[in-house]
Amino acid sequence: MNHSRLAPLLVTLAALAACQPKTSAVTDSSPPVATVNGAPITRNFYDFYIKGITGGKSPADLTAEQRSLALDNLVRAQLVAEQAVKEGVDKSGDAAYMLQLARLNVLEQAVQERYLKDRQPSEQELRAEYEAQLAAMPKTEYHARHILVATEPFAQKIIDRLDKGEKFDALAKAESMDSSKNNGGDLGWFTANRMVPEFAGAVMALKPGEYTHKAVQTQYGWHVIQLLETREVTPPPFDQVRQRLVQVVQAKKFRQYQDELLRSAKVEKFLDKTAGTAPAAGGSPAAPAAPAASAPPAPPAPAAPPAPAPQQPPSPKKY
C-alpha cells in the first residue's frame, strides 16, 4: 500500500476507532507508546505512522526529537478525533461520508494488494497487453494551428482574409481568443483522439498546408484550422513501458476478481428512483472525469481520452 498517501488518513481513522466501543477497535496487542484519556496509541500503529510519513523509515532511523514530535502529532490527532466524536462530527455531514469512503478505499487497496501478491503478470501477459495497446494506438499524429473566435460570421471573415493572402499566424495573433495565439495558433503535435470530435474530424479531412474553408464549431467557439504536417506515431519500446504494463495487467486481474464478487452478490440499484435526485446535466463531452487518487489503477481505454480543449497541445508520446 502507499503508506505516504494513507498515513494521515489512517491516523484520523485510528484515533476515531480508539474512541469507539472495544468491539470495533483494531486488534493490536503491541504495547502502548502513549495513552490519550485512557485510549492507547500502540507501538505497531506508531511504527506504521512513522513509516508512512518518512517514506519507509523506522523510528530507529529518526532522532529522539523527531520521534517525540511524531508522537506528539499522533496525540494531538487523537485528541481532536475524540472531540469530533463527542460533537457527532463523525455521524453527519461531509465528514461522515469522507470516513465511509476512506474505509472503502483502504479496504479495497488492502484486498487488492493481498489478491495480487501471488498473481504477478507473466512475461507472456505483459507482451500480449503491449501488443493490444499498440494495435489500439492512433497511427498518425497531426501538427496544426487554429484561430478561435466567438461567432461564425467573424470566422468566415477570417477565412476570407486568408483567401486574400493574409498570413495565418498573424491573424491568429491578432484575432484568436485562444491562448495559442501567442504561438500563431500553433497547437503542436497531437493525435486525433486528443481533440474534441468536431475539431479532430476537420483536421483529418485536410491535407498538409490546407485550412478549413468553412468554420468548425465546437463547444469552445468557431475555429479556422490549418493542417501543417502529419507523421506516423512512434510507439514506445516495451522496456520503456514495462512497469505501466504491469499496473494495467494487475488492474485487469483485480477487475476480474471484482466481477466474480458481483456475480455472487445480490445487487439492487435504485438511482433513478431515489426521491429528490435527478440525472446529472450533460457536461463537457471533451473528457471523462479522472479516477479518485486513492482508487486502484484502472486499465486504460484503447485510446487516450480527448483533451479538455483543443487549445492545449497534447503530449505527443502518451502511451
Protein backbone atom coordinates (compact mmCIF):
# COMPACT_ATOMS: atom_id res chain seq x y z
CA MET A 1 0.00 0.00 0.00
CA ASN A 2 1.06 3.59 -0.46
CA HIS A 3 1.70 4.42 3.19
CA SER A 4 2.69 8.02 2.50
CA ARG A 5 -0.72 8.66 0.96
CA LEU A 6 -2.74 6.77 3.53
CA ALA A 7 -0.91 7.55 6.76
CA PRO A 8 -2.55 10.91 7.54
CA LEU A 9 -5.94 9.42 6.81
CA LEU A 10 -5.27 6.34 8.90
CA VAL A 11 -4.18 8.50 11.82
CA THR A 12 -7.62 10.04 11.93
CA LEU A 13 -9.37 6.73 11.37
CA ALA A 14 -7.40 5.01 14.10
CA ALA A 15 -7.98 7.85 16.52
CA LEU A 16 -11.69 7.69 15.83
CA ALA A 17 -11.66 3.91 16.22
CA ALA A 18 -10.00 4.29 19.60
CA CYS A 19 -12.96 6.33 20.75
CA GLN A 20 -15.44 3.63 19.75
CA PRO A 21 -16.52 0.58 21.77
CA LYS A 22 -13.81 -2.04 22.18
CA THR A 23 -15.62 -4.47 19.91
CA SER A 24 -14.90 -2.23 16.92
CA ALA A 25 -11.26 -1.45 17.80
CA VAL A 26 -8.32 -2.68 15.74
CA THR A 27 -6.79 -5.92 17.05
CA ASP A 28 -3.33 -4.85 18.17
CA SER A 29 -1.60 -6.44 21.16
CA SER A 30 1.57 -4.36 20.93
CA PRO A 31 2.34 -2.22 23.98
CA PRO A 32 1.27 1.43 24.00
CA VAL A 33 3.71 4.25 23.38
CA ALA A 34 1.20 6.67 24.89
CA THR A 35 -2.39 6.82 26.12
CA VAL A 36 -4.84 9.64 25.49
CA ASN A 37 -7.67 9.77 28.00
CA GLY A 38 -7.12 6.06 28.54
CA ALA A 39 -7.09 5.14 24.82
CA PRO A 40 -3.75 3.62 23.72
CA ILE A 41 -1.55 4.63 20.82
CA THR A 42 0.14 1.30 20.20
CA ARG A 43 3.71 0.64 19.18
CA ASN A 44 2.67 -1.04 15.93
CA PHE A 45 0.46 1.87 14.95
CA TYR A 46 3.18 4.37 15.85
CA ASP A 47 5.70 2.42 13.74
CA PHE A 48 3.24 2.35 10.84
CA TYR A 49 2.74 6.10 11.13
CA ILE A 50 6.50 6.73 11.10
CA LYS A 51 6.91 4.53 8.06
CA GLY A 52 4.18 6.46 6.26
CA ILE A 53 5.42 9.98 6.94
CA THR A 54 9.09 9.17 6.26
CA GLY A 55 8.76 7.05 3.14
CA GLY A 56 9.59 3.75 4.81
CA LYS A 57 11.93 4.59 7.68
CA SER A 58 11.60 3.07 11.14
CA PRO A 59 11.62 5.01 14.43
CA ALA A 60 15.22 3.88 14.93
CA ASP A 61 16.19 5.89 11.84
CA LEU A 62 14.96 9.12 13.45
CA THR A 63 16.40 11.33 16.12
CA ALA A 64 14.87 11.35 19.58
CA GLU A 65 13.43 14.78 18.84
CA GLN A 66 11.81 13.57 15.61
CA ARG A 67 10.32 10.52 17.33
CA SER A 68 8.92 12.71 20.08
CA LEU A 69 7.44 15.19 17.58
CA ALA A 70 5.77 12.36 15.66
CA LEU A 71 4.22 11.01 18.84
CA ASP A 72 3.01 14.49 19.76
CA ASN A 73 1.32 14.73 16.37
CA LEU A 74 -0.48 11.44 16.99
CA VAL A 75 -1.60 12.55 20.45
CA ARG A 76 -2.97 15.79 19.04
CA ALA A 77 -4.75 13.95 16.24
CA GLN A 78 -6.36 11.55 18.69
CA LEU A 79 -7.49 14.38 20.95
CA VAL A 80 -9.11 16.19 18.03
CA ALA A 81 -10.72 12.95 16.85
CA GLU A 82 -12.14 12.30 20.32
CA GLN A 83 -13.60 15.79 20.31
CA ALA A 84 -15.05 15.19 16.85
CA VAL A 85 -16.81 12.07 18.13
CA LYS A 86 -18.16 13.94 21.16
CA GLU A 87 -19.59 16.59 18.85
CA GLY A 88 -21.05 13.99 16.48
CA VAL A 89 -18.90 15.16 13.57
CA ASP A 90 -18.31 11.55 12.55
CA LYS A 91 -22.02 10.86 12.26
CA SER A 92 -23.23 13.60 9.91
CA GLY A 93 -22.29 15.85 7.02
CA ASP A 94 -19.35 15.52 4.70
CA ALA A 95 -17.05 14.15 7.41
CA ALA A 96 -19.22 11.04 7.80
CA TYR A 97 -19.16 10.38 4.08
CA MET A 98 -15.42 11.01 3.87
CA LEU A 99 -14.84 8.47 6.64
CA GLN A 100 -17.05 5.98 4.85
CA LEU A 101 -15.22 6.48 1.56
CA ALA A 102 -11.85 6.31 3.31
CA ARG A 103 -12.77 2.97 4.83
CA LEU A 104 -13.89 1.61 1.45
CA ASN A 105 -10.71 2.78 -0.28
CA VAL A 106 -8.37 1.46 2.40
CA LEU A 107 -10.06 -1.95 2.48
CA GLU A 108 -10.19 -2.17 -1.30
CA GLN A 109 -6.48 -1.43 -1.60
CA ALA A 110 -5.64 -3.93 1.14
CA VAL A 111 -7.64 -6.67 -0.59
CA GLN A 112 -6.15 -5.75 -3.94
CA GLU A 113 -2.61 -5.97 -2.55
CA ARG A 114 -3.32 -9.37 -0.98
CA TYR A 115 -5.07 -10.73 -4.08
CA LEU A 116 -2.33 -9.67 -6.49
CA LYS A 117 0.57 -10.76 -4.28
CA ASP A 118 0.72 -14.23 -5.86
CA ARG A 119 -0.64 -13.16 -9.25
CA GLN A 120 2.23 -11.23 -10.75
CA PRO A 121 1.89 -10.77 -14.53
CA SER A 122 3.84 -13.22 -16.62
CA GLU A 123 6.07 -12.12 -19.48
CA GLN A 124 3.50 -13.53 -21.90
CA GLU A 125 0.71 -11.47 -20.33
CA LEU A 126 2.80 -8.31 -20.49
CA ARG A 127 3.70 -8.89 -24.12
CA ALA A 128 0.07 -9.58 -25.02
CA GLU A 129 -1.02 -6.35 -23.32
CA TYR A 130 1.73 -4.44 -25.10
CA GLU A 131 0.60 -5.73 -28.48
CA ALA A 132 -3.02 -4.91 -27.66
CA GLN A 133 -2.05 -1.37 -26.71
CA LEU A 134 -0.03 -0.94 -29.89
CA ALA A 135 -2.93 -2.14 -32.01
CA ALA A 136 -5.25 0.38 -30.36
CA MET A 137 -2.87 3.32 -30.63
CA PRO A 138 -3.57 6.01 -33.23
CA LYS A 139 -1.25 5.60 -36.19
CA THR A 140 -0.95 9.26 -37.16
CA GLU A 141 -0.03 12.48 -35.41
CA TYR A 142 -1.07 15.89 -36.69
CA HIS A 143 0.62 19.26 -36.44
CA ALA A 144 -1.95 22.02 -36.81
CA ARG A 145 -2.80 25.55 -35.83
CA HIS A 146 -6.10 27.31 -35.42
CA ILE A 147 -7.85 30.61 -34.89
CA LEU A 148 -10.68 30.56 -32.35
CA VAL A 149 -13.39 33.24 -32.47
CA ALA A 150 -16.83 33.69 -30.92
CA THR A 151 -19.13 33.73 -33.96
CA GLU A 152 -19.44 32.04 -37.33
CA PRO A 153 -19.66 35.32 -39.31
CA PHE A 154 -16.40 36.52 -37.80
CA ALA A 155 -14.76 33.15 -38.51
CA GLN A 156 -15.88 33.47 -42.13
CA LYS A 157 -14.25 36.91 -42.31
CA ILE A 158 -11.02 35.31 -41.11
CA ILE A 159 -11.30 32.73 -43.88
CA ASP A 160 -11.92 35.48 -46.45
CA ARG A 161 -8.79 37.28 -45.30
CA LEU A 162 -6.79 34.06 -45.59
CA ASP A 163 -8.15 33.61 -49.10
CA LYS A 164 -6.83 37.06 -49.94
CA GLY A 165 -3.33 36.09 -48.82
CA GLU A 166 -3.05 37.23 -45.21
CA LYS A 167 -0.76 35.12 -43.02
CA PHE A 168 -2.39 32.55 -40.76
CA ASP A 169 -0.05 33.13 -37.81
CA ALA A 170 -0.50 36.91 -37.99
CA LEU A 171 -4.30 36.55 -38.00
CA ALA A 172 -4.13 34.14 -35.07
CA LYS A 173 -2.06 36.58 -33.03
CA ALA A 174 -4.42 39.44 -33.84
CA GLU A 175 -7.84 37.78 -33.71
CA SER A 176 -7.82 34.43 -31.86
CA MET A 177 -9.40 34.10 -28.41
CA ASP A 178 -7.23 31.08 -27.64
CA SER A 179 -4.00 31.11 -25.62
CA SER A 180 -2.25 29.53 -28.60
CA LYS A 181 -2.49 32.93 -30.31
CA ASN A 182 0.89 33.76 -28.79
CA ASN A 183 2.36 30.98 -30.95
CA GLY A 184 0.46 31.99 -34.05
CA GLY A 185 -2.26 29.47 -33.21
CA ASP A 186 0.20 26.55 -33.21
CA LEU A 187 -1.08 23.52 -31.27
CA GLY A 188 1.99 21.37 -31.71
CA TRP A 189 1.72 17.65 -32.40
CA PHE A 190 -1.32 15.65 -31.31
CA THR A 191 -3.30 12.54 -32.17
CA ALA A 192 -6.89 12.97 -33.29
CA ASN A 193 -8.33 11.36 -30.17
CA ARG A 194 -6.81 14.11 -28.02
CA MET A 195 -9.15 16.69 -29.55
CA VAL A 196 -12.91 17.11 -29.42
CA PRO A 197 -14.58 15.17 -32.27
CA GLU A 198 -15.58 18.14 -34.43
CA PHE A 199 -12.08 19.56 -34.32
CA ALA A 200 -10.42 16.18 -34.95
CA GLY A 201 -12.70 15.41 -37.89
CA ALA A 202 -11.86 18.70 -39.56
CA VAL A 203 -8.13 18.15 -39.09
CA MET A 204 -8.22 14.65 -40.55
CA ALA A 205 -10.08 15.90 -43.63
CA LEU A 206 -7.30 18.37 -44.50
CA LYS A 207 -4.13 17.87 -46.48
CA PRO A 208 -0.89 19.41 -45.22
CA GLY A 209 -0.91 23.12 -45.98
CA GLU A 210 -4.71 23.35 -46.30
CA TYR A 211 -7.03 25.27 -44.00
CA THR A 212 -10.74 24.89 -43.42
CA HIS A 213 -12.84 26.98 -45.81
CA LYS A 214 -15.85 26.58 -43.55
CA ALA A 215 -15.67 27.42 -39.87
CA VAL A 216 -15.72 24.48 -37.45
CA GLN A 217 -17.93 24.78 -34.39
CA THR A 218 -17.11 23.17 -31.04
CA GLN A 219 -18.23 23.96 -27.50
CA TYR A 220 -15.38 26.46 -27.34
CA GLY A 221 -16.45 28.60 -30.28
CA TRP A 222 -15.71 28.71 -34.01
CA HIS A 223 -12.39 27.52 -35.37
CA VAL A 224 -10.44 28.13 -38.53
CA ILE A 225 -7.91 25.29 -38.71
CA GLN A 226 -4.81 24.75 -40.78
CA LEU A 227 -3.02 21.41 -41.00
CA LEU A 228 0.73 21.90 -41.22
CA GLU A 229 2.06 18.34 -41.44
CA THR A 230 1.50 14.74 -40.36
CA ARG A 231 3.73 11.92 -39.19
CA GLU A 232 3.46 8.32 -38.10
CA VAL A 233 3.21 7.67 -34.38
CA THR A 234 6.34 6.08 -32.96
CA PRO A 235 5.29 3.60 -30.24
CA PRO A 236 7.40 3.39 -27.10
CA PRO A 237 9.61 0.30 -26.73
CA PHE A 238 8.39 -2.49 -24.49
CA ASP A 239 11.01 -1.97 -21.80
CA GLN A 240 10.16 1.71 -21.50
CA VAL A 241 6.52 1.00 -20.59
CA ARG A 242 7.01 -2.31 -18.81
CA GLN A 243 6.09 -1.01 -15.36
CA ARG A 244 2.95 0.63 -16.71
CA LEU A 245 2.02 -2.66 -18.38
CA VAL A 246 2.41 -4.44 -15.03
CA GLN A 247 -0.04 -1.98 -13.50
CA VAL A 248 -2.51 -2.39 -16.35
CA VAL A 249 -2.46 -6.19 -16.24
CA GLN A 250 -2.77 -6.22 -12.45
CA ALA A 251 -5.68 -3.81 -12.61
CA LYS A 252 -7.44 -6.07 -15.11
CA LYS A 253 -6.90 -9.09 -12.88
CA PHE A 254 -8.36 -7.30 -9.90
CA ARG A 255 -11.24 -6.11 -12.03
CA GLN A 256 -11.97 -9.74 -12.88
CA TYR A 257 -11.92 -10.56 -9.17
CA GLN A 258 -14.44 -7.78 -8.57
CA ASP A 259 -16.58 -9.20 -11.39
CA GLU A 260 -16.55 -12.58 -9.65
CA LEU A 261 -17.75 -10.97 -6.43
CA LEU A 262 -20.50 -9.20 -8.34
CA ARG A 263 -21.70 -12.42 -9.91
CA SER A 264 -22.23 -14.00 -6.50
CA ALA A 265 -23.70 -10.88 -4.88
CA LYS A 266 -27.25 -9.58 -4.78
CA VAL A 267 -27.15 -6.00 -6.01
CA GLU A 268 -30.18 -3.79 -6.50
CA LYS A 269 -29.90 -0.27 -7.90
CA PHE A 270 -32.42 2.49 -7.30
CA LEU A 271 -30.52 5.50 -8.60
CA ASP A 272 -33.21 6.85 -10.93
CA LYS A 273 -35.96 6.08 -8.40
CA THR A 274 -34.39 7.93 -5.48
CA ALA A 275 -36.55 10.84 -4.42
CA GLY A 276 -35.05 14.27 -4.73
CA THR A 277 -32.39 13.30 -7.23
CA ALA A 278 -32.15 13.80 -10.94
CA PRO A 279 -29.76 12.64 -13.63
CA ALA A 280 -26.74 14.91 -13.88
CA ALA A 281 -26.90 17.56 -16.54
CA GLY A 282 -24.79 16.96 -19.60
CA GLY A 283 -21.25 18.09 -19.01
CA SER A 284 -18.36 18.73 -21.30
CA PRO A 285 -18.03 15.97 -23.90
CA ALA A 286 -14.32 16.55 -24.10
CA ALA A 287 -13.01 14.26 -21.37
CA PRO A 288 -14.25 11.85 -18.67
CA ALA A 289 -13.67 12.57 -15.00
CA ALA A 290 -10.39 11.32 -13.59
CA PRO A 291 -10.46 8.48 -11.04
CA ALA A 292 -10.00 9.26 -7.38
CA ALA A 293 -6.41 9.38 -6.26
CA SER A 294 -6.91 6.55 -3.80
CA ALA A 295 -8.66 4.23 -6.24
CA PRO A 296 -6.76 1.30 -7.75
CA PRO A 297 -5.40 1.93 -11.24
CA ALA A 298 -7.90 1.14 -13.95
CA PRO A 299 -6.86 -0.29 -17.29
CA PRO A 300 -6.65 2.49 -19.86
CA ALA A 301 -9.06 2.70 -22.74
CA PRO A 302 -7.65 1.65 -26.10
CA ALA A 303 -7.16 5.31 -26.88
CA ALA A 304 -6.39 8.27 -24.64
CA PRO A 305 -9.38 10.45 -23.69
CA PRO A 306 -9.83 13.67 -25.63
CA ALA A 307 -8.23 16.74 -24.15
CA PRO A 308 -10.43 19.29 -22.38
CA ALA A 309 -9.82 21.88 -25.06
CA PRO A 310 -8.13 21.96 -28.41
CA GLN A 311 -6.09 24.95 -27.39
CA GLN A 312 -3.82 22.87 -25.18
CA PRO A 313 -1.09 21.00 -27.09
CA PRO A 314 -1.39 17.35 -26.04
CA SER A 315 1.66 15.29 -25.19
CA PRO A 316 2.77 13.62 -28.41
CA LYS A 317 4.00 10.42 -26.83
CA LYS A 318 1.49 9.30 -24.24
CA TYR A 319 1.22 5.55 -24.15
